[in-house]
Amino acid sequence: MTSIADLAARHCTPLKGEQHRLPPADVKAFLTALPGWELVEDGAAIRRTFTFKDYYRTMAFVNALAYVAHAEDHHPDLGVHYDRAVVRYSTHDVGGLSANDFICAAKAEQLA
């Protein structure tokens, strides 16, 4: 079974084309390793809301996540609020979910 640590230790690779879209069984296995993440948009994306004590901590998380996104060249959609950040991953170039989404979700978990 894959763990958060296993996923977070990996790095994203450039992916293009439907052949890199994860099959439902792989998506389910990766989601098992990432409690709190949910499948949304008919299985085309994953999302989690991270909650914090205040705006400062929310922004610290968002800025750290932005650094990870830049380093991995895989960027989430973010909703930033006073005490929470909504993080959504999907790989547009494959038309759904790829391993990169779960790698970055695991890195977000470690940041939080």
PDB file of N, CA and C in Angstrom:
ATOM      1  N   MET A   1       0.830  -1.190   0.000  1.00  0.00           N
ATOM      2  CA  MET A   1       0.000   0.000   0.000  1.00  0.00           C
ATOM      3  C   MET A   1       0.873   1.252   0.000  1.00  0.00           C
ATOM      4  N   THR A   2       0.490   2.228  -0.767  1.00  0.00           N
ATOM      5  CA  THR A   2       1.218   3.493  -0.853  1.00  0.00           C
ATOM      6  C   THR A   2       0.863   4.370   0.344  1.00  0.00           C
ATOM      7  N   SER A   3       1.857   5.080   0.890  1.00  0.00           N
ATOM      8  CA  SER A   3       1.624   5.982   2.015  1.00  0.00           C
ATOM      9  C   SER A   3       1.846   7.428   1.573  1.00  0.00           C
ATOM     10  N   ILE A   4       1.447   8.345   2.440  1.00  0.00           N
ATOM     11  CA  ILE A   4       1.694   9.764   2.176  1.00  0.00           C
ATOM     12  C   ILE A   4       3.190   9.994   1.996  1.00  0.00           C
ATOM     13  N   ALA A   5       3.997   9.401   2.857  1.00  0.00           N
ATOM     14  CA  ALA A   5       5.451   9.580   2.765  1.00  0.00           C
ATOM     15  C   ALA A   5       5.997   9.049   1.443  1.00  0.00           C
ATOM     16  N   ASP A   6       5.489   7.898   0.993  1.00  0.00           N
ATOM     17  CA  ASP A   6       5.929   7.337  -0.297  1.00  0.00           C
ATOM     18  C   ASP A   6       5.614   8.302  -1.439  1.00  0.00           C
ATOM     19  N   LEU A   7       4.390   8.822  -1.440  1.00  0.00           N
ATOM     20  CA  LEU A   7       3.990   9.755  -2.497  1.00  0.00           C
ATOM     21  C   LEU A   7       4.796  11.046  -2.432  1.00  0.00           C
ATOM     22  N   ALA A   8       4.953  11.594  -1.227  1.00  0.00           N
ATOM     23  CA  ALA A   8       5.654  12.869  -1.069  1.00  0.00           C
ATOM     24  C   ALA A   8       7.132  12.775  -1.434  1.00  0.00           C
ATOM     25  N   ALA A   9       7.697  11.589  -1.365  1.00  0.00           N
ATOM     26  CA  ALA A   9       9.108  11.408  -1.721  1.00  0.00           C
ATOM     27  C   ALA A   9       9.325  11.424  -3.235  1.00  0.00           C
ATOM     28  N   ARG A  10       8.255  11.255  -3.976  1.00  0.00           N
ATOM     29  CA  ARG A  10       8.360  11.240  -5.442  1.00  0.00           C
ATOM     30  C   ARG A  10       8.359  12.668  -5.989  1.00  0.00           C
ATOM     31  N   HIS A  11       8.685  12.798  -7.267  1.00  0.00           N
ATOM     32  CA  HIS A  11       8.658  14.095  -7.938  1.00  0.00           C
ATOM     33  C   HIS A  11       7.799  13.998  -9.193  1.00  0.00           C
ATOM     34  N   CYS A  12       7.200  15.109  -9.538  1.00  0.00           N
ATOM     35  CA  CYS A  12       6.344  15.163 -10.721  1.00  0.00           C
ATOM     36  C   CYS A  12       7.175  15.084 -11.996  1.00  0.00           C
ATOM     37  N   THR A  13       6.561  14.518 -13.015  1.00  0.00           N
ATOM     38  CA  THR A  13       7.176  14.469 -14.336  1.00  0.00           C
ATOM     39  C   THR A  13       6.189  15.060 -15.331  1.00  0.00           C
ATOM     40  N   PRO A  14       6.696  15.689 -16.382  1.00  0.00           N
ATOM     41  CA  PRO A  14       5.784  16.240 -17.391  1.00  0.00           C
ATOM     42  C   PRO A  14       4.982  15.123 -18.054  1.00  0.00           C
ATOM     43  N   LEU A  15       3.676  15.301 -18.114  1.00  0.00           N
ATOM     44  CA  LEU A  15       2.792  14.300 -18.713  1.00  0.00           C
ATOM     45  C   LEU A  15       1.855  14.984 -19.694  1.00  0.00           C
ATOM     46  N   LYS A  16       1.655  14.352 -20.813  1.00  0.00           N
ATOM     47  CA  LYS A  16       0.749  14.888 -21.826  1.00  0.00           C
ATOM     48  C   LYS A  16       0.064  13.715 -22.513  1.00  0.00           C
ATOM     49  N   GLY A  17      -1.247  13.796 -22.613  1.00  0.00           N
ATOM     50  CA  GLY A  17      -1.993  12.762 -23.311  1.00  0.00           C
ATOM     51  C   GLY A  17      -2.783  11.870 -22.376  1.00  0.00           C
ATOM     52  N   GLU A  18      -3.891  11.358 -22.904  1.00  0.00           N
ATOM     53  CA  GLU A  18      -4.815  10.531 -22.128  1.00  0.00           C
ATOM     54  C   GLU A  18      -4.176   9.265 -21.564  1.00  0.00           C
ATOM     55  N   GLN A  19      -3.134   8.768 -22.181  1.00  0.00           N
ATOM     56  CA  GLN A  19      -2.503   7.532 -21.714  1.00  0.00           C
ATOM     57  C   GLN A  19      -1.924   7.686 -20.309  1.00  0.00           C
ATOM     58  N   HIS A  20      -1.740   8.921 -19.840  1.00  0.00           N
ATOM     59  CA  HIS A  20      -1.202   9.163 -18.504  1.00  0.00           C
ATOM     60  C   HIS A  20      -2.301   9.356 -17.454  1.00  0.00           C
ATOM     61  N   ARG A  21      -3.562   9.367 -17.889  1.00  0.00           N
ATOM     62  CA  ARG A  21      -4.677   9.494 -16.946  1.00  0.00           C
ATOM     63  C   ARG A  21      -4.762   8.208 -16.134  1.00  0.00           C
ATOM     64  N   LEU A  22      -4.914   8.351 -14.826  1.00  0.00           N
ATOM     65  CA  LEU A  22      -4.963   7.177 -13.951  1.00  0.00           C
ATOM     66  C   LEU A  22      -6.284   6.440 -14.088  1.00  0.00           C
ATOM     67  N   PRO A  23      -6.230   5.103 -14.110  1.00  0.00           N
ATOM     68  CA  PRO A  23      -7.465   4.326 -14.101  1.00  0.00           C
ATOM     69  C   PRO A  23      -8.133   4.427 -12.720  1.00  0.00           C
ATOM     70  N   PRO A  24      -9.444   4.206 -12.651  1.00  0.00           N
ATOM     71  CA  PRO A  24     -10.166   4.332 -11.378  1.00  0.00           C
ATOM     72  C   PRO A  24      -9.568   3.524 -10.224  1.00  0.00           C
ATOM     73  N   ALA A  25      -9.053   2.343 -10.477  1.00  0.00           N
ATOM     74  CA  ALA A  25      -8.469   1.532  -9.402  1.00  0.00           C
ATOM     75  C   ALA A  25      -7.248   2.218  -8.785  1.00  0.00           C
ATOM     76  N   ASP A  26      -6.425   2.839  -9.611  1.00  0.00           N
ATOM     77  CA  ASP A  26      -5.257   3.555  -9.100  1.00  0.00           C
ATOM     78  C   ASP A  26      -5.672   4.796  -8.321  1.00  0.00           C
ATOM     79  N   VAL A  27      -6.685   5.506  -8.827  1.00  0.00           N
ATOM     80  CA  VAL A  27      -7.199   6.682  -8.124  1.00  0.00           C
ATOM     81  C   VAL A  27      -7.677   6.270  -6.733  1.00  0.00           C
ATOM     82  N   LYS A  28      -8.428   5.201  -6.659  1.00  0.00           N
ATOM     83  CA  LYS A  28      -8.949   4.713  -5.376  1.00  0.00           C
ATOM     84  C   LYS A  28      -7.811   4.360  -4.425  1.00  0.00           C
ATOM     85  N   ALA A  29      -6.784   3.694  -4.926  1.00  0.00           N
ATOM     86  CA  ALA A  29      -5.639   3.316  -4.090  1.00  0.00           C
ATOM     87  C   ALA A  29      -4.907   4.548  -3.564  1.00  0.00           C
ATOM     88  N   PHE A  30      -4.693   5.520  -4.420  1.00  0.00           N
ATOM     89  CA  PHE A  30      -4.015   6.750  -3.980  1.00  0.00           C
ATOM     90  C   PHE A  30      -4.870   7.517  -2.978  1.00  0.00           C
ATOM     91  N   LEU A  31      -6.171   7.586  -3.195  1.00  0.00           N
ATOM     92  CA  LEU A  31      -7.056   8.285  -2.262  1.00  0.00           C
ATOM     93  C   LEU A  31      -7.031   7.645  -0.884  1.00  0.00           C
ATOM     94  N   THR A  32      -6.873   6.337  -0.832  1.00  0.00           N
ATOM     95  CA  THR A  32      -6.786   5.637   0.448  1.00  0.00           C
ATOM     96  C   THR A  32      -5.585   6.141   1.250  1.00  0.00           C
ATOM     97  N   ALA A  33      -4.520   6.511   0.572  1.00  0.00           N
ATOM     98  CA  ALA A  33      -3.306   7.012   1.229  1.00  0.00           C
ATOM     99  C   ALA A  33      -3.440   8.472   1.649  1.00  0.00           C
ATOM    100  N   LEU A  34      -4.496   9.144   1.198  1.00  0.00           N
ATOM    101  CA  LEU A  34      -4.654  10.584   1.454  1.00  0.00           C
ATOM    102  C   LEU A  34      -5.999  10.875   2.125  1.00  0.00           C
ATOM    103  N   PRO A  35      -6.134  10.548   3.399  1.00  0.00           N
ATOM    104  CA  PRO A  35      -7.398  10.826   4.084  1.00  0.00           C
ATOM    105  C   PRO A  35      -7.726  12.321   4.033  1.00  0.00           C
ATOM    106  N   GLY A  36      -8.988  12.609   3.872  1.00  0.00           N
ATOM    107  CA  GLY A  36      -9.421  14.002   3.816  1.00  0.00           C
ATOM    108  C   GLY A  36      -9.553  14.546   2.404  1.00  0.00           C
ATOM    109  N   TRP A  37      -8.931  13.895   1.440  1.00  0.00           N
ATOM    110  CA  TRP A  37      -9.048  14.304   0.049  1.00  0.00           C
ATOM    111  C   TRP A  37     -10.272  13.620  -0.544  1.00  0.00           C
ATOM    112  N   GLU A  38     -10.973  14.348  -1.394  1.00  0.00           N
ATOM    113  CA  GLU A  38     -12.172  13.788  -2.022  1.00  0.00           C
ATOM    114  C   GLU A  38     -12.082  13.898  -3.533  1.00  0.00           C
ATOM    115  N   LEU A  39     -12.725  12.958  -4.170  1.00  0.00           N
ATOM    116  CA  LEU A  39     -12.829  12.949  -5.622  1.00  0.00           C
ATOM    117  C   LEU A  39     -13.973  13.882  -6.007  1.00  0.00           C
ATOM    118  N   VAL A  40     -13.727  14.803  -6.934  1.00  0.00           N
ATOM    119  CA  VAL A  40     -14.752  15.766  -7.360  1.00  0.00           C
ATOM    120  C   VAL A  40     -14.797  15.834  -8.883  1.00  0.00           C
ATOM    121  N   GLU A  41     -15.808  16.502  -9.383  1.00  0.00           N
ATOM    122  CA  GLU A  41     -15.957  16.732 -10.823  1.00  0.00           C
ATOM    123  C   GLU A  41     -15.972  15.426 -11.609  1.00  0.00           C
ATOM    124  N   ASP A  42     -16.797  14.497 -11.154  1.00  0.00           N
ATOM    125  CA  ASP A  42     -16.934  13.185 -11.809  1.00  0.00           C
ATOM    126  C   ASP A  42     -15.603  12.457 -11.951  1.00  0.00           C
ATOM    127  N   GLY A  43     -14.757  12.589 -10.943  1.00  0.00           N
ATOM    128  CA  GLY A  43     -13.491  11.870 -10.943  1.00  0.00           C
ATOM    129  C   GLY A  43     -12.361  12.544 -11.684  1.00  0.00           C
ATOM    130  N   ALA A  44     -12.569  13.804 -12.093  1.00  0.00           N
ATOM    131  CA  ALA A  44     -11.535  14.504 -12.860  1.00  0.00           C
ATOM    132  C   ALA A  44     -10.572  15.292 -11.982  1.00  0.00           C
ATOM    133  N   ALA A  45     -10.873  15.398 -10.676  1.00  0.00           N
ATOM    134  CA  ALA A  45     -10.035  16.203  -9.783  1.00  0.00           C
ATOM    135  C   ALA A  45     -10.152  15.674  -8.359  1.00  0.00           C
ATOM    136  N   ILE A  46      -9.173  16.074  -7.533  1.00  0.00           N
ATOM    137  CA  ILE A  46      -9.234  15.822  -6.101  1.00  0.00           C
ATOM    138  C   ILE A  46      -9.172  17.160  -5.379  1.00  0.00           C
ATOM    139  N   ARG A  47      -9.782  17.190  -4.174  1.00  0.00           N
ATOM    140  CA  ARG A  47      -9.856  18.456  -3.450  1.00  0.00           C
ATOM    141  C   ARG A  47      -9.821  18.191  -1.947  1.00  0.00           C
ATOM    142  N   ARG A  48      -9.242  19.151  -1.240  1.00  0.00           N
ATOM    143  CA  ARG A  48      -9.259  19.127   0.224  1.00  0.00           C
ATOM    144  C   ARG A  48      -9.266  20.550   0.742  1.00  0.00           C
ATOM    145  N   THR A  49      -9.972  20.758   1.843  1.00  0.00           N
ATOM    146  CA  THR A  49      -9.955  22.042   2.537  1.00  0.00           C
ATOM    147  C   THR A  49      -9.085  21.901   3.776  1.00  0.00           C
ATOM    148  N   PHE A  50      -8.065  22.739   3.857  1.00  0.00           N
ATOM    149  CA  PHE A  50      -7.178  22.793   5.020  1.00  0.00           C
ATOM    150  C   PHE A  50      -7.614  23.973   5.881  1.00  0.00           C
ATOM    151  N   THR A  51      -7.786  23.758   7.177  1.00  0.00           N
ATOM    152  CA  THR A  51      -8.214  24.848   8.058  1.00  0.00           C
ATOM    153  C   THR A  51      -7.069  25.257   8.980  1.00  0.00           C
ATOM    154  N   PHE A  52      -7.046  26.549   9.307  1.00  0.00           N
ATOM    155  CA  PHE A  52      -5.984  27.140  10.116  1.00  0.00           C
ATOM    156  C   PHE A  52      -6.587  28.079  11.154  1.00  0.00           C
ATOM    157  N   LYS A  53      -5.780  28.474  12.123  1.00  0.00           N
ATOM    158  CA  LYS A  53      -6.246  29.353  13.200  1.00  0.00           C
ATOM    159  C   LYS A  53      -6.543  30.770  12.732  1.00  0.00           C
ATOM    160  N   ASP A  54      -5.793  31.230  11.751  1.00  0.00           N
ATOM    161  CA  ASP A  54      -5.926  32.631  11.355  1.00  0.00           C
ATOM    162  C   ASP A  54      -5.382  32.834   9.935  1.00  0.00           C
ATOM    163  N   TYR A  55      -5.499  34.058   9.466  1.00  0.00           N
ATOM    164  CA  TYR A  55      -5.086  34.409   8.105  1.00  0.00           C
ATOM    165  C   TYR A  55      -3.577  34.221   7.902  1.00  0.00           C
ATOM    166  N   TYR A  56      -2.793  34.583   8.911  1.00  0.00           N
ATOM    167  CA  TYR A  56      -1.343  34.462   8.799  1.00  0.00           C
ATOM    168  C   TYR A  56      -0.928  33.011   8.519  1.00  0.00           C
ATOM    169  N   ARG A  57      -1.499  32.079   9.269  1.00  0.00           N
ATOM    170  CA  ARG A  57      -1.162  30.668   9.080  1.00  0.00           C
ATOM    171  C   ARG A  57      -1.681  30.144   7.734  1.00  0.00           C
ATOM    172  N   THR A  58      -2.840  30.631   7.338  1.00  0.00           N
ATOM    173  CA  THR A  58      -3.371  30.246   6.026  1.00  0.00           C
ATOM    174  C   THR A  58      -2.411  30.693   4.929  1.00  0.00           C
ATOM    175  N   MET A  59      -1.984  31.941   5.011  1.00  0.00           N
ATOM    176  CA  MET A  59      -1.087  32.466   3.980  1.00  0.00           C
ATOM    177  C   MET A  59       0.287  31.791   4.023  1.00  0.00           C
ATOM    178  N   ALA A  60       0.766  31.431   5.198  1.00  0.00           N
ATOM    179  CA  ALA A  60       2.045  30.718   5.292  1.00  0.00           C
ATOM    180  C   ALA A  60       1.941  29.382   4.559  1.00  0.00           C
ATOM    181  N   PHE A  61       0.824  28.681   4.760  1.00  0.00           N
ATOM    182  CA  PHE A  61       0.610  27.410   4.060  1.00  0.00           C
ATOM    183  C   PHE A  61       0.534  27.635   2.547  1.00  0.00           C
ATOM    184  N   VAL A  62      -0.247  28.615   2.134  1.00  0.00           N
ATOM    185  CA  VAL A  62      -0.420  28.889   0.699  1.00  0.00           C
ATOM    186  C   VAL A  62       0.911  29.256   0.056  1.00  0.00           C
ATOM    187  N   ASN A  63       1.705  30.058   0.717  1.00  0.00           N
ATOM    188  CA  ASN A  63       3.009  30.441   0.162  1.00  0.00           C
ATOM    189  C   ASN A  63       3.957  29.243   0.082  1.00  0.00           C
ATOM    190  N   ALA A  64       3.942  28.391   1.100  1.00  0.00           N
ATOM    191  CA  ALA A  64       4.776  27.183   1.053  1.00  0.00           C
ATOM    192  C   ALA A  64       4.305  26.255  -0.062  1.00  0.00           C
ATOM    193  N   LEU A  65       2.984  26.141  -0.228  1.00  0.00           N
ATOM    194  CA  LEU A  65       2.438  25.310  -1.300  1.00  0.00           C
ATOM    195  C   LEU A  65       2.803  25.880  -2.673  1.00  0.00           C
ATOM    196  N   ALA A  66       2.822  27.195  -2.793  1.00  0.00           N
ATOM    197  CA  ALA A  66       3.228  27.830  -4.051  1.00  0.00           C
ATOM    198  C   ALA A  66       4.681  27.494  -4.385  1.00  0.00           C
ATOM    199  N   TYR A  67       5.529  27.446  -3.372  1.00  0.00           N
ATOM    200  CA  TYR A  67       6.924  27.074  -3.588  1.00  0.00           C
ATOM    201  C   TYR A  67       7.027  25.632  -4.105  1.00  0.00           C
ATOM    202  N   VAL A  68       6.284  24.729  -3.470  1.00  0.00           N
ATOM    203  CA  VAL A  68       6.278  23.328  -3.905  1.00  0.00           C
ATOM    204  C   VAL A  68       5.759  23.218  -5.335  1.00  0.00           C
ATOM    205  N   ALA A  69       4.691  23.943  -5.636  1.00  0.00           N
ATOM    206  CA  ALA A  69       4.108  23.910  -6.985  1.00  0.00           C
ATOM    207  C   ALA A  69       5.131  24.365  -8.025  1.00  0.00           C
ATOM    208  N   HIS A  70       5.864  25.402  -7.698  1.00  0.00           N
ATOM    209  CA  HIS A  70       6.894  25.894  -8.621  1.00  0.00           C
ATOM    210  C   HIS A  70       8.001  24.853  -8.795  1.00  0.00           C
ATOM    211  N   ALA A  71       8.446  24.272  -7.684  1.00  0.00           N
ATOM    212  CA  ALA A  71       9.535  23.285  -7.743  1.00  0.00           C
ATOM    213  C   ALA A  71       9.124  22.036  -8.518  1.00  0.00           C
ATOM    214  N   GLU A  72       7.871  21.622  -8.377  1.00  0.00           N
ATOM    215  CA  GLU A  72       7.384  20.414  -9.046  1.00  0.00           C
ATOM    216  C   GLU A  72       6.801  20.707 -10.433  1.00  0.00           C
ATOM    217  N   ASP A  73       6.617  21.985 -10.757  1.00  0.00           N
ATOM    218  CA  ASP A  73       5.979  22.418 -12.001  1.00  0.00           C
ATOM    219  C   ASP A  73       4.603  21.751 -12.173  1.00  0.00           C
ATOM    220  N   HIS A  74       3.868  21.740 -11.057  1.00  0.00           N
ATOM    221  CA  HIS A  74       2.501  21.199 -11.059  1.00  0.00           C
ATOM    222  C   HIS A  74       1.701  22.053 -10.082  1.00  0.00           C
ATOM    223  N   HIS A  75       0.721  22.760 -10.593  1.00  0.00           N
ATOM    224  CA  HIS A  75       0.087  23.834  -9.839  1.00  0.00           C
ATOM    225  C   HIS A  75      -1.367  23.535  -9.509  1.00  0.00           C
ATOM    226  N   PRO A  76      -1.758  23.754  -8.244  1.00  0.00           N
ATOM    227  CA  PRO A  76      -3.146  23.531  -7.856  1.00  0.00           C
ATOM    228  C   PRO A  76      -4.010  24.752  -8.158  1.00  0.00           C
ATOM    229  N   ASP A  77      -5.303  24.533  -8.159  1.00  0.00           N
ATOM    230  CA  ASP A  77      -6.254  25.637  -8.088  1.00  0.00           C
ATOM    231  C   ASP A  77      -6.479  25.875  -6.609  1.00  0.00           C
ATOM    232  N   LEU A  78      -6.452  27.132  -6.194  1.00  0.00           N
ATOM    233  CA  LEU A  78      -6.562  27.469  -4.781  1.00  0.00           C
ATOM    234  C   LEU A  78      -7.726  28.408  -4.516  1.00  0.00           C
ATOM    235  N   GLY A  79      -8.403  28.169  -3.416  1.00  0.00           N
ATOM    236  CA  GLY A  79      -9.364  29.115  -2.863  1.00  0.00           C
ATOM    237  C   GLY A  79      -8.815  29.516  -1.515  1.00  0.00           C
ATOM    238  N   VAL A  80      -8.488  30.782  -1.339  1.00  0.00           N
ATOM    239  CA  VAL A  80      -7.843  31.247  -0.115  1.00  0.00           C
ATOM    240  C   VAL A  80      -8.827  32.106   0.668  1.00  0.00           C
ATOM    241  N   HIS A  81      -9.021  31.741   1.936  1.00  0.00           N
ATOM    242  CA  HIS A  81      -9.953  32.431   2.816  1.00  0.00           C
ATOM    243  C   HIS A  81      -9.238  32.741   4.132  1.00  0.00           C
ATOM    244  N   TYR A  82      -9.891  33.441   5.029  1.00  0.00           N
ATOM    245  CA  TYR A  82      -9.268  33.853   6.286  1.00  0.00           C
ATOM    246  C   TYR A  82      -8.650  32.678   7.036  1.00  0.00           C
ATOM    247  N   ASP A  83      -9.417  31.618   7.229  1.00  0.00           N
ATOM    248  CA  ASP A  83      -8.957  30.518   8.069  1.00  0.00           C
ATOM    249  C   ASP A  83      -8.905  29.166   7.351  1.00  0.00           C
ATOM    250  N   ARG A  84      -8.872  29.215   6.031  1.00  0.00           N
ATOM    251  CA  ARG A  84      -8.829  27.955   5.290  1.00  0.00           C
ATOM    252  C   ARG A  84      -8.311  28.178   3.870  1.00  0.00           C
ATOM    253  N   ALA A  85      -7.806  27.093   3.312  1.00  0.00           N
ATOM    254  CA  ALA A  85      -7.379  27.076   1.906  1.00  0.00           C
ATOM    255  C   ALA A  85      -7.985  25.830   1.271  1.00  0.00           C
ATOM    256  N   VAL A  86      -8.646  26.010   0.150  1.00  0.00           N
ATOM    257  CA  VAL A  86      -9.218  24.905  -0.604  1.00  0.00           C
ATOM    258  C   VAL A  86      -8.234  24.598  -1.735  1.00  0.00           C
ATOM    259  N   VAL A  87      -7.733  23.364  -1.752  1.00  0.00           N
ATOM    260  CA  VAL A  87      -6.711  22.964  -2.718  1.00  0.00           C
ATOM    261  C   VAL A  87      -7.318  21.917  -3.643  1.00  0.00           C
ATOM    262  N   ARG A  88      -7.194  22.152  -4.936  1.00  0.00           N
ATOM    263  CA  ARG A  88      -7.752  21.254  -5.946  1.00  0.00           C
ATOM    264  C   ARG A  88      -6.669  20.920  -6.964  1.00  0.00           C
ATOM    265  N   TYR A  89      -6.507  19.630  -7.227  1.00  0.00           N
ATOM    266  CA  TYR A  89      -5.544  19.179  -8.228  1.00  0.00           C
ATOM    267  C   TYR A  89      -6.237  18.410  -9.344  1.00  0.00           C
ATOM    268  N   SER A  90      -5.764  18.630 -10.554  1.00  0.00           N
ATOM    269  CA  SER A  90      -6.148  17.889 -11.751  1.00  0.00           C
ATOM    270  C   SER A  90      -5.054  18.153 -12.774  1.00  0.00           C
ATOM    271  N   THR A  91      -4.833  17.213 -13.656  1.00  0.00           N
ATOM    272  CA  THR A  91      -3.803  17.409 -14.683  1.00  0.00           C
ATOM    273  C   THR A  91      -4.501  17.692 -16.008  1.00  0.00           C
ATOM    274  N   HIS A  92      -4.525  18.949 -16.367  1.00  0.00           N
ATOM    275  CA  HIS A  92      -5.245  19.373 -17.577  1.00  0.00           C
ATOM    276  C   HIS A  92      -4.716  18.690 -18.829  1.00  0.00           C
ATOM    277  N   ASP A  93      -3.397  18.477 -18.886  1.00  0.00           N
ATOM    278  CA  ASP A  93      -2.787  17.890 -20.088  1.00  0.00           C
ATOM    279  C   ASP A  93      -3.117  16.417 -20.302  1.00  0.00           C
ATOM    280  N   VAL A  94      -3.709  15.762 -19.285  1.00  0.00           N
ATOM    281  CA  VAL A  94      -4.137  14.371 -19.473  1.00  0.00           C
ATOM    282  C   VAL A  94      -5.658  14.248 -19.412  1.00  0.00           C
ATOM    283  N   GLY A  95      -6.327  15.360 -19.128  1.00  0.00           N
ATOM    284  CA  GLY A  95      -7.781  15.356 -19.087  1.00  0.00           C
ATOM    285  C   GLY A  95      -8.365  14.675 -17.860  1.00  0.00           C
ATOM    286  N   GLY A  96      -7.664  14.746 -16.751  1.00  0.00           N
ATOM    287  CA  GLY A  96      -8.144  14.126 -15.518  1.00  0.00           C
ATOM    288  C   GLY A  96      -7.034  14.033 -14.496  1.00  0.00           C
ATOM    289  N   LEU A  97      -7.022  12.948 -13.757  1.00  0.00           N
ATOM    290  CA  LEU A  97      -6.037  12.775 -12.698  1.00  0.00           C
ATOM    291  C   LEU A  97      -4.820  11.984 -13.165  1.00  0.00           C
ATOM    292  N   SER A  98      -3.658  12.442 -12.713  1.00  0.00           N
ATOM    293  CA  SER A  98      -2.405  11.728 -12.972  1.00  0.00           C
ATOM    294  C   SER A  98      -1.706  11.500 -11.636  1.00  0.00           C
ATOM    295  N   ALA A  99      -0.629  10.752 -11.663  1.00  0.00           N
ATOM    296  CA  ALA A  99       0.158  10.535 -10.448  1.00  0.00           C
ATOM    297  C   ALA A  99       0.652  11.859  -9.871  1.00  0.00           C
ATOM    298  N   ASN A 100       0.921  12.845 -10.721  1.00  0.00           N
ATOM    299  CA  ASN A 100       1.398  14.152 -10.249  1.00  0.00           C
ATOM    300  C   ASN A 100       0.431  14.783  -9.254  1.00  0.00           C
ATOM    301  N   ASP A 101      -0.871  14.613  -9.472  1.00  0.00           N
ATOM    302  CA  ASP A 101      -1.856  15.200  -8.566  1.00  0.00           C
ATOM    303  C   ASP A 101      -1.735  14.617  -7.168  1.00  0.00           C
ATOM    304  N   PHE A 102      -1.519  13.334  -7.076  1.00  0.00           N
ATOM    305  CA  PHE A 102      -1.428  12.670  -5.781  1.00  0.00           C
ATOM    306  C   PHE A 102      -0.079  12.931  -5.117  1.00  0.00           C
ATOM    307  N   ILE A 103       0.968  13.060  -5.911  1.00  0.00           N
ATOM    308  CA  ILE A 103       2.281  13.426  -5.370  1.00  0.00           C
ATOM    309  C   ILE A 103       2.189  14.800  -4.709  1.00  0.00           C
ATOM    310  N   CYS A 104       1.602  15.761  -5.401  1.00  0.00           N
ATOM    311  CA  CYS A 104       1.491  17.113  -4.847  1.00  0.00           C
ATOM    312  C   CYS A 104       0.510  17.179  -3.681  1.00  0.00           C
ATOM    313  N   ALA A 105      -0.546  16.396  -3.718  1.00  0.00           N
ATOM    314  CA  ALA A 105      -1.476  16.346  -2.583  1.00  0.00           C
ATOM    315  C   ALA A 105      -0.750  15.835  -1.337  1.00  0.00           C
ATOM    316  N   ALA A 106       0.108  14.842  -1.498  1.00  0.00           N
ATOM    317  CA  ALA A 106       0.880  14.320  -0.367  1.00  0.00           C
ATOM    318  C   ALA A 106       1.839  15.363   0.159  1.00  0.00           C
ATOM    319  N   LYS A 107       2.443  16.131  -0.724  1.00  0.00           N
ATOM    320  CA  LYS A 107       3.341  17.201  -0.292  1.00  0.00           C
ATOM    321  C   LYS A 107       2.566  18.272   0.459  1.00  0.00           C
ATOM    322  N   ALA A 108       1.340  18.574   0.014  1.00  0.00           N
ATOM    323  CA  ALA A 108       0.483  19.532   0.724  1.00  0.00           C
ATOM    324  C   ALA A 108       0.160  19.018   2.133  1.00  0.00           C
ATOM    325  N   GLU A 109      -0.107  17.724   2.241  1.00  0.00           N
ATOM    326  CA  GLU A 109      -0.378  17.119   3.548  1.00  0.00           C
ATOM    327  C   GLU A 109       0.800  17.319   4.488  1.00  0.00           C
ATOM    328  N   GLN A 110       1.992  17.127   3.986  1.00  0.00           N
ATOM    329  CA  GLN A 110       3.173  17.278   4.829  1.00  0.00           C
ATOM    330  C   GLN A 110       3.380  18.723   5.252  1.00  0.00           C
ATOM    331  N   LEU A 111       3.014  19.673   4.398  1.00  0.00           N
ATOM    332  CA  LEU A 111       3.133  21.077   4.753  1.00  0.00           C
ATOM    333  C   LEU A 111       2.163  21.457   5.868  1.00  0.00           C
ATOM    334  N   ALA A 112       0.955  20.911   5.776  1.00  0.00           N
ATOM    335  CA  ALA A 112      -0.084  21.286   6.759  1.00  0.00           C
ATOM    336  C   ALA A 112       0.276  20.743   8.117  1.00  0.00           C
TER     337      ALA A 112
END
